[in-house]
N, C-alpha and C. Protein backbone atom coordinates (compact mmCIF):
# COMPACT_ATOMS: atom_id res chain seq x y z
N ASP A 1 -52.90 59.26 -31.74
CA ASP A 1 -52.49 60.66 -32.07
C ASP A 1 -52.80 60.90 -33.51
N SER A 2 -52.74 60.27 -34.38
CA SER A 2 -52.99 60.40 -35.59
C SER A 2 -54.41 60.69 -35.56
N MET A 3 -55.27 60.31 -34.87
CA MET A 3 -56.69 60.55 -34.80
C MET A 3 -56.93 61.96 -34.51
N LYS A 4 -56.04 62.70 -33.36
CA LYS A 4 -56.49 63.87 -33.29
C LYS A 4 -55.67 64.98 -34.51
N SER A 5 -54.71 64.07 -35.08
CA SER A 5 -54.05 65.29 -35.93
C SER A 5 -54.93 65.49 -37.12
N LYS A 6 -55.59 64.45 -37.21
CA LYS A 6 -57.05 64.52 -38.27
C LYS A 6 -58.19 65.38 -38.04
N GLN A 7 -58.26 65.94 -36.61
CA GLN A 7 -59.36 66.82 -36.42
C GLN A 7 -59.04 68.42 -36.30
N ILE A 8 -57.68 68.36 -36.44
CA ILE A 8 -56.95 69.84 -36.14
C ILE A 8 -58.04 70.94 -37.31
N ILE A 9 -58.19 70.56 -38.43
CA ILE A 9 -58.61 71.45 -39.38
C ILE A 9 -60.22 71.59 -39.06
N SER A 10 -60.96 70.59 -38.53
CA SER A 10 -62.18 70.62 -38.29
C SER A 10 -62.19 71.49 -36.81
N LEU A 11 -61.46 71.39 -35.97
CA LEU A 11 -61.23 72.33 -34.99
C LEU A 11 -61.03 73.56 -35.26
N ILE A 12 -60.15 74.03 -36.36
CA ILE A 12 -59.73 75.38 -36.29
C ILE A 12 -61.34 75.96 -36.99
N ALA A 13 -62.05 75.15 -37.79
CA ALA A 13 -63.10 75.76 -38.28
C ALA A 13 -64.15 76.20 -37.16
N LYS A 14 -64.37 75.05 -36.18
CA LYS A 14 -65.39 75.16 -34.99
C LYS A 14 -64.61 76.63 -34.28
N ILE A 15 -63.59 76.94 -34.01
CA ILE A 15 -62.92 77.99 -33.33
C ILE A 15 -63.42 79.26 -34.06
N ARG A 16 -63.26 79.25 -35.38
CA ARG A 16 -63.73 80.11 -36.36
C ARG A 16 -65.05 80.50 -36.08
N TYR A 17 -65.97 79.47 -35.91
CA TYR A 17 -67.39 79.80 -36.06
C TYR A 17 -67.56 80.42 -34.75
N GLY A 18 -66.95 79.82 -33.61
CA GLY A 18 -66.98 80.07 -32.05
C GLY A 18 -66.95 81.85 -32.01
N ALA A 19 -65.76 82.18 -32.87
CA ALA A 19 -65.15 83.53 -32.48
C ALA A 19 -66.04 84.35 -33.36
N ASN A 20 -66.84 83.94 -34.50
CA ASN A 20 -67.43 84.98 -35.24
C ASN A 20 -69.01 85.00 -34.40
N THR A 21 -69.03 83.92 -33.91
CA THR A 21 -70.61 84.19 -33.12
C THR A 21 -70.32 84.93 -31.83
N LEU A 22 -68.98 85.08 -31.27
CA LEU A 22 -68.96 85.86 -30.09
C LEU A 22 -69.02 87.67 -30.73
N ILE A 23 -68.30 87.76 -31.79
CA ILE A 23 -68.14 89.00 -32.33
C ILE A 23 -69.35 89.42 -32.48
N THR A 24 -70.26 88.67 -33.36
CA THR A 24 -71.74 89.23 -33.68
C THR A 24 -72.37 89.51 -32.27
N LYS A 25 -72.66 88.73 -31.55
CA LYS A 25 -72.99 88.94 -30.44
C LYS A 25 -72.80 90.01 -29.39
N GLU A 26 -71.41 90.33 -29.47
CA GLU A 26 -70.92 91.31 -28.71
C GLU A 26 -71.32 92.84 -28.98
N LEU A 27 -71.22 92.82 -30.56
CA LEU A 27 -71.58 93.70 -31.39
C LEU A 27 -73.11 94.10 -31.10
N GLU A 28 -73.95 93.37 -31.42
CA GLU A 28 -75.38 93.25 -31.12
C GLU A 28 -75.56 93.82 -29.65
N LYS A 29 -74.78 93.20 -28.43
CA LYS A 29 -74.99 93.92 -27.20
C LYS A 29 -74.65 95.24 -27.09
N ARG A 30 -73.96 95.95 -28.06
CA ARG A 30 -73.44 97.33 -27.90
C ARG A 30 -74.27 98.19 -28.91
N GLY A 31 -75.47 97.42 -29.67
CA GLY A 31 -76.48 98.02 -30.41
C GLY A 31 -75.87 98.25 -31.71
N VAL A 32 -74.75 97.53 -32.39
CA VAL A 32 -74.21 97.62 -33.60
C VAL A 32 -74.38 96.27 -34.38
N THR A 33 -75.42 96.77 -35.44
CA THR A 33 -75.86 95.90 -36.38
C THR A 33 -75.35 95.80 -37.71
N GLY A 34 -75.56 94.72 -38.47
CA GLY A 34 -75.23 94.64 -40.00
C GLY A 34 -73.69 94.41 -39.98
N ILE A 35 -72.74 94.60 -39.41
CA ILE A 35 -71.38 94.19 -39.42
C ILE A 35 -71.02 92.79 -39.13
N ALA A 36 -70.47 92.38 -40.07
CA ALA A 36 -70.27 91.00 -39.91
C ALA A 36 -68.55 90.80 -39.73
N PRO A 37 -68.10 89.92 -39.18
CA PRO A 37 -66.70 89.59 -38.78
C PRO A 37 -65.99 89.79 -39.74
N SER A 38 -66.48 89.54 -41.19
CA SER A 38 -65.44 89.71 -42.17
C SER A 38 -65.32 91.09 -42.74
N HIS A 39 -65.97 92.07 -41.77
CA HIS A 39 -65.59 93.50 -42.04
C HIS A 39 -64.38 94.17 -40.92
N GLY A 40 -64.31 93.13 -39.78
CA GLY A 40 -63.37 93.44 -38.97
C GLY A 40 -62.10 93.84 -39.61
N ASP A 41 -61.25 93.10 -40.50
CA ASP A 41 -60.00 93.42 -41.21
C ASP A 41 -60.16 94.82 -41.67
N ILE A 42 -61.11 95.41 -42.33
CA ILE A 42 -61.32 96.69 -43.00
C ILE A 42 -61.20 97.80 -42.27
N LEU A 43 -62.18 97.41 -41.25
CA LEU A 43 -62.48 98.38 -39.90
C LEU A 43 -61.10 98.98 -39.23
N ALA A 44 -60.28 97.41 -39.04
CA ALA A 44 -59.02 97.74 -38.28
C ALA A 44 -57.99 98.54 -38.99
N ARG A 45 -57.77 98.47 -40.23
CA ARG A 45 -57.02 98.92 -41.01
C ARG A 45 -57.60 100.49 -41.30
N LEU A 46 -58.90 100.91 -41.30
CA LEU A 46 -59.22 102.24 -41.33
C LEU A 46 -59.10 102.90 -40.18
N PHE A 47 -59.00 102.40 -39.07
CA PHE A 47 -58.71 102.96 -37.88
C PHE A 47 -57.46 103.51 -37.43
N ASN A 48 -56.61 102.53 -38.29
CA ASN A 48 -55.17 102.99 -38.10
C ASN A 48 -54.65 103.65 -39.42
N CYS A 49 -55.34 103.95 -40.61
CA CYS A 49 -54.88 104.46 -41.54
C CYS A 49 -56.09 105.60 -41.95
N ASN A 50 -55.72 107.00 -42.53
CA ASN A 50 -56.56 108.13 -42.65
C ASN A 50 -57.61 107.29 -43.86
N ALA A 51 -56.91 106.87 -44.83
CA ALA A 51 -57.88 106.90 -46.04
C ALA A 51 -56.81 105.91 -47.10
N MET A 52 -57.43 104.60 -47.77
CA MET A 52 -56.64 103.83 -48.54
C MET A 52 -57.24 103.68 -49.85
N THR A 53 -56.70 103.31 -50.80
CA THR A 53 -57.29 103.04 -52.18
C THR A 53 -57.60 101.48 -51.90
N MET A 54 -58.68 101.03 -52.77
CA MET A 54 -59.35 99.80 -52.70
C MET A 54 -58.03 98.61 -52.85
N THR A 55 -56.97 98.99 -53.95
CA THR A 55 -55.63 98.06 -53.87
C THR A 55 -54.90 97.96 -53.01
N GLU A 56 -54.75 99.38 -51.92
CA GLU A 56 -54.08 99.11 -50.96
C GLU A 56 -54.65 98.20 -49.86
N LEU A 57 -56.05 98.44 -49.73
CA LEU A 57 -56.66 97.80 -48.77
C LEU A 57 -56.94 96.58 -49.08
N ALA A 58 -56.97 95.76 -50.25
CA ALA A 58 -57.08 94.45 -50.66
C ALA A 58 -55.74 93.73 -50.35
N ARG A 59 -54.45 94.59 -50.63
CA ARG A 59 -53.06 94.07 -50.24
C ARG A 59 -53.16 93.94 -48.93
N ALA A 60 -53.46 94.82 -48.01
CA ALA A 60 -53.38 94.92 -46.77
C ALA A 60 -53.87 93.96 -45.76
N ILE A 61 -55.14 93.53 -46.41
CA ILE A 61 -55.79 92.56 -45.36
C ILE A 61 -56.02 91.53 -46.26
N ASN A 62 -55.29 91.16 -47.44
CA ASN A 62 -55.05 89.56 -48.26
C ASN A 62 -56.52 89.18 -48.75
N ARG A 63 -57.11 90.11 -49.44
CA ARG A 63 -58.43 89.56 -50.04
C ARG A 63 -58.50 90.20 -51.36
N LYS A 64 -59.28 89.23 -52.32
CA LYS A 64 -59.39 89.83 -53.64
C LYS A 64 -60.12 90.80 -53.78
N LYS A 65 -59.95 91.77 -54.73
CA LYS A 65 -60.28 92.88 -55.06
C LYS A 65 -62.06 92.90 -55.14
N ASN A 66 -62.62 91.97 -55.97
CA ASN A 66 -64.11 91.95 -55.84
C ASN A 66 -64.70 91.29 -54.71
N THR A 67 -64.01 90.61 -53.86
CA THR A 67 -64.53 90.21 -52.41
C THR A 67 -64.87 91.53 -51.51
N LEU A 68 -63.59 92.29 -51.63
CA LEU A 68 -63.32 93.58 -50.83
C LEU A 68 -64.61 94.40 -51.32
N THR A 69 -64.86 94.79 -52.73
CA THR A 69 -65.78 95.83 -53.04
C THR A 69 -66.80 95.51 -52.55
N THR A 70 -67.44 94.10 -52.44
CA THR A 70 -68.70 93.66 -51.76
C THR A 70 -68.60 94.19 -50.32
N LEU A 71 -67.66 93.76 -49.59
CA LEU A 71 -67.65 94.39 -47.97
C LEU A 71 -67.59 95.65 -48.06
N VAL A 72 -66.67 96.37 -48.57
CA VAL A 72 -66.72 97.92 -48.54
C VAL A 72 -68.18 98.30 -48.97
N ASP A 73 -68.76 98.08 -50.08
CA ASP A 73 -70.11 98.48 -50.38
C ASP A 73 -70.92 98.44 -49.24
N LYS A 74 -70.94 97.13 -48.50
CA LYS A 74 -71.88 97.04 -47.41
C LYS A 74 -71.72 97.99 -46.29
N LEU A 75 -70.22 98.20 -45.89
CA LEU A 75 -70.14 99.33 -45.22
C LEU A 75 -70.45 100.70 -45.42
N VAL A 76 -70.54 101.07 -46.65
CA VAL A 76 -70.64 102.31 -47.28
C VAL A 76 -72.18 102.47 -47.09
N ASN A 77 -72.97 101.37 -47.35
CA ASN A 77 -74.66 101.14 -46.99
C ASN A 77 -75.08 101.56 -45.76
N LEU A 78 -74.41 101.13 -44.76
CA LEU A 78 -74.42 100.86 -43.36
C LEU A 78 -74.28 102.49 -42.82
N GLY A 79 -73.22 103.15 -43.89
CA GLY A 79 -73.01 104.58 -43.19
C GLY A 79 -71.59 104.57 -42.06
N TYR A 80 -70.65 103.34 -42.38
CA TYR A 80 -69.49 103.50 -41.40
C TYR A 80 -68.50 103.80 -42.14
N VAL A 81 -68.28 103.51 -43.77
CA VAL A 81 -67.54 104.18 -44.49
C VAL A 81 -67.94 105.00 -45.66
N GLU A 82 -67.15 105.48 -46.04
CA GLU A 82 -67.33 106.55 -47.68
C GLU A 82 -66.02 106.48 -48.70
N LYS A 83 -66.64 106.60 -49.55
CA LYS A 83 -65.62 106.57 -51.10
C LYS A 83 -65.49 108.13 -51.30
N VAL A 84 -64.28 108.32 -51.32
CA VAL A 84 -64.01 109.78 -51.52
C VAL A 84 -63.20 110.14 -52.65
N GLN A 85 -63.03 111.10 -53.51
CA GLN A 85 -61.88 110.89 -54.63
C GLN A 85 -60.89 111.75 -53.78
N ASP A 86 -59.57 111.24 -54.53
CA ASP A 86 -58.30 111.53 -53.99
C ASP A 86 -58.25 113.26 -54.20
N SER A 87 -57.63 114.01 -53.34
CA SER A 87 -57.54 115.50 -53.74
C SER A 87 -56.37 115.44 -54.93
N ASP A 88 -55.35 114.70 -54.67
CA ASP A 88 -54.01 114.93 -55.48
C ASP A 88 -54.21 114.24 -56.99
N ASP A 89 -55.34 113.41 -57.01
CA ASP A 89 -55.48 112.56 -58.53
C ASP A 89 -57.31 112.25 -58.15
N GLY A 90 -58.02 112.62 -58.96
CA GLY A 90 -59.24 112.77 -59.25
C GLY A 90 -59.71 111.24 -59.39
N ARG A 91 -58.86 110.71 -60.32
CA ARG A 91 -59.23 109.31 -60.99
C ARG A 91 -59.10 108.38 -59.86
N VAL A 92 -58.62 108.54 -58.81
CA VAL A 92 -58.26 108.00 -57.72
C VAL A 92 -59.36 107.75 -56.59
N THR A 93 -59.78 106.63 -56.16
CA THR A 93 -61.15 106.57 -55.14
C THR A 93 -60.60 105.82 -53.99
N LEU A 94 -60.63 106.75 -52.87
CA LEU A 94 -59.98 106.57 -51.23
C LEU A 94 -61.06 106.12 -50.74
N ILE A 95 -60.91 104.88 -49.57
CA ILE A 95 -61.98 104.60 -48.61
C ILE A 95 -61.50 105.02 -47.46
N ARG A 96 -62.41 105.72 -46.78
CA ARG A 96 -62.19 106.19 -45.22
C ARG A 96 -63.54 106.14 -44.27
N LEU A 97 -63.09 106.07 -43.47
CA LEU A 97 -64.07 106.03 -42.09
C LEU A 97 -65.06 107.01 -42.22
N SER A 98 -66.43 106.85 -41.97
CA SER A 98 -67.22 108.21 -41.99
C SER A 98 -67.01 108.64 -40.33
N GLY A 99 -67.87 109.85 -39.97
CA GLY A 99 -67.85 109.88 -38.37
C GLY A 99 -68.75 108.60 -37.86
N LYS A 100 -69.59 108.27 -38.33
CA LYS A 100 -70.24 106.77 -37.59
C LYS A 100 -69.23 105.73 -37.58
N GLY A 101 -68.47 105.71 -38.71
CA GLY A 101 -67.29 104.90 -38.70
C GLY A 101 -66.47 104.89 -37.67
N LYS A 102 -65.83 105.85 -37.52
CA LYS A 102 -64.80 106.57 -36.32
C LYS A 102 -65.59 106.16 -34.90
N ASP A 103 -66.67 106.46 -34.80
CA ASP A 103 -67.34 106.43 -33.67
C ASP A 103 -67.37 105.03 -33.10
N LEU A 104 -67.44 103.61 -33.81
CA LEU A 104 -67.44 102.49 -33.68
C LEU A 104 -66.28 102.17 -32.98
N ARG A 105 -64.67 102.86 -32.92
CA ARG A 105 -63.79 102.27 -32.29
C ARG A 105 -64.06 101.87 -30.92
N PRO A 106 -64.49 102.46 -30.19
CA PRO A 106 -64.63 101.77 -28.58
C PRO A 106 -65.10 100.44 -28.77
N ASP A 107 -66.45 100.45 -29.40
CA ASP A 107 -66.86 99.31 -29.57
C ASP A 107 -66.20 97.92 -30.03
N PHE A 108 -65.34 98.33 -31.24
CA PHE A 108 -64.65 97.76 -31.86
C PHE A 108 -63.52 96.97 -30.64
N ASP A 109 -62.79 98.07 -29.84
CA ASP A 109 -61.73 97.37 -29.14
C ASP A 109 -62.28 96.72 -28.15
N ALA A 110 -63.31 97.04 -27.62
CA ALA A 110 -63.92 96.28 -26.46
C ALA A 110 -64.19 94.95 -26.79
N VAL A 111 -64.69 94.44 -28.31
CA VAL A 111 -65.05 93.23 -28.81
C VAL A 111 -63.97 92.37 -29.09
N SER A 112 -62.98 93.11 -29.42
CA SER A 112 -61.33 92.60 -29.67
C SER A 112 -61.07 92.15 -28.37
N GLU A 113 -60.92 92.88 -27.48
CA GLU A 113 -60.35 92.62 -25.98
C GLU A 113 -61.41 91.31 -25.54
N LYS A 114 -62.42 91.27 -25.36
CA LYS A 114 -63.39 90.23 -25.30
C LYS A 114 -62.97 88.96 -25.98
N LEU A 115 -62.84 88.93 -27.30
CA LEU A 115 -62.40 87.72 -28.06
C LEU A 115 -61.24 87.32 -27.58
N LEU A 116 -60.23 88.19 -27.68
CA LEU A 116 -58.90 87.48 -27.01
C LEU A 116 -58.89 87.07 -25.55
N GLU A 117 -59.72 87.70 -24.75
CA GLU A 117 -59.65 86.89 -23.41
C GLU A 117 -60.28 85.95 -23.29
N THR A 118 -61.57 85.55 -24.24
CA THR A 118 -62.13 84.36 -24.29
C THR A 118 -61.10 83.26 -24.96
N ALA A 119 -60.71 83.67 -26.27
CA ALA A 119 -59.75 82.73 -26.54
C ALA A 119 -58.68 82.32 -25.95
N TYR A 120 -57.95 82.77 -25.23
CA TYR A 120 -56.88 82.65 -24.35
C TYR A 120 -57.24 82.27 -23.11
N ASN A 121 -58.09 82.27 -22.67
CA ASN A 121 -58.64 81.91 -21.28
C ASN A 121 -58.11 80.55 -20.80
N GLY A 122 -57.19 80.42 -19.76
CA GLY A 122 -56.18 79.59 -18.90
C GLY A 122 -55.06 79.18 -19.68
N MET A 123 -54.56 80.02 -20.71
CA MET A 123 -53.44 79.72 -21.60
C MET A 123 -52.26 80.76 -20.92
N SER A 124 -51.13 79.73 -20.75
CA SER A 124 -49.85 80.53 -20.43
C SER A 124 -49.34 81.21 -21.37
N ASP A 125 -48.42 82.44 -20.97
CA ASP A 125 -47.92 83.00 -22.52
C ASP A 125 -47.09 82.12 -23.22
N SER A 126 -46.39 81.00 -22.57
CA SER A 126 -45.31 80.31 -23.51
C SER A 126 -46.58 79.37 -24.41
N GLU A 127 -47.53 78.95 -23.81
CA GLU A 127 -48.63 78.12 -24.82
C GLU A 127 -49.14 79.01 -25.80
N LYS A 128 -49.38 80.46 -25.76
CA LYS A 128 -49.94 81.11 -26.60
C LYS A 128 -48.79 81.21 -27.49
N GLU A 129 -47.61 81.68 -27.11
CA GLU A 129 -46.59 81.53 -28.07
C GLU A 129 -46.47 80.38 -29.14
N LYS A 130 -46.37 79.09 -28.53
CA LYS A 130 -46.27 77.93 -29.17
C LYS A 130 -47.33 77.97 -30.23
N LEU A 131 -48.56 78.26 -29.61
CA LEU A 131 -49.92 78.08 -30.50
C LEU A 131 -49.69 78.80 -31.67
N PHE A 132 -49.11 80.03 -31.69
CA PHE A 132 -48.93 81.16 -32.39
C PHE A 132 -48.35 80.49 -33.39
N ARG A 133 -46.99 80.15 -33.09
CA ARG A 133 -45.73 79.48 -34.07
C ARG A 133 -46.18 78.59 -35.09
N LEU A 134 -47.03 77.31 -34.64
CA LEU A 134 -47.79 76.38 -34.84
C LEU A 134 -48.62 76.69 -35.97
N LEU A 135 -49.38 77.77 -35.60
CA LEU A 135 -50.60 78.21 -36.58
C LEU A 135 -49.96 78.95 -37.86
N VAL A 136 -48.95 79.82 -37.47
CA VAL A 136 -48.11 80.63 -38.55
C VAL A 136 -47.41 79.36 -39.62
N LYS A 137 -47.04 78.50 -38.82
CA LYS A 137 -46.48 77.58 -39.94
C LYS A 137 -47.52 76.53 -40.72
N MET A 138 -48.55 76.35 -40.17
CA MET A 138 -49.74 75.82 -41.04
C MET A 138 -50.23 76.79 -42.08
N ASN A 139 -50.26 78.00 -41.60
CA ASN A 139 -50.84 78.82 -42.74
C ASN A 139 -49.85 78.88 -43.95
N GLU A 140 -48.34 78.87 -43.41
CA GLU A 140 -47.84 79.21 -44.65
C GLU A 140 -47.77 78.04 -45.49
N ASN A 141 -47.76 76.76 -44.90
CA ASN A 141 -48.29 75.43 -45.39
C ASN A 141 -49.38 75.77 -46.84
N PHE A 142 -50.22 76.34 -46.30
CA PHE A 142 -51.25 76.79 -47.39
C PHE A 142 -50.92 77.74 -48.46
N CYS A 143 -50.39 78.79 -47.71
CA CYS A 143 -49.60 79.69 -48.59
C CYS A 143 -48.95 79.11 -49.66
N ASN A 144 -48.00 78.26 -49.43
CA ASN A 144 -47.00 77.68 -50.34
C ASN A 144 -47.89 76.87 -51.14
N TYR A 145 -48.90 76.16 -51.03
CA TYR A 145 -49.63 75.21 -51.82
C TYR A 145 -50.28 76.25 -53.12
N ASN A 146 -50.62 77.58 -53.08
CA ASN A 146 -51.21 78.11 -53.75
C ASN A 146 -49.99 78.64 -55.08
């Protein structure tokens, strides 16, 4: 059993790689290129919010601001996101989806559905529930380490 417990982190890394590969391939099938799995959290937030500051976005997706800047700039260059000045306070820059970014929603939702369908294939609701609880606990262990 201890041998299996030593393989958990490696297995999580393999699952992440598999998920990222699926996301990339499914986006490409839909003609969406240039977007990386690391852009997913940003797009998901912006689909549900009209606009956010970099600070709000960084906090919402738990990323450092400099990492987020690189990701957002890439999305700006691809035309999916735009930076605009806040109409209430001109010193504040807001990040929001462009028209092209909003048009991604159906593809984004379809890829998310395919990802979950693939990940949970053959699992009962109670197995999914238990897996979630255990991974949350493991994640908290790492959060407490920092």
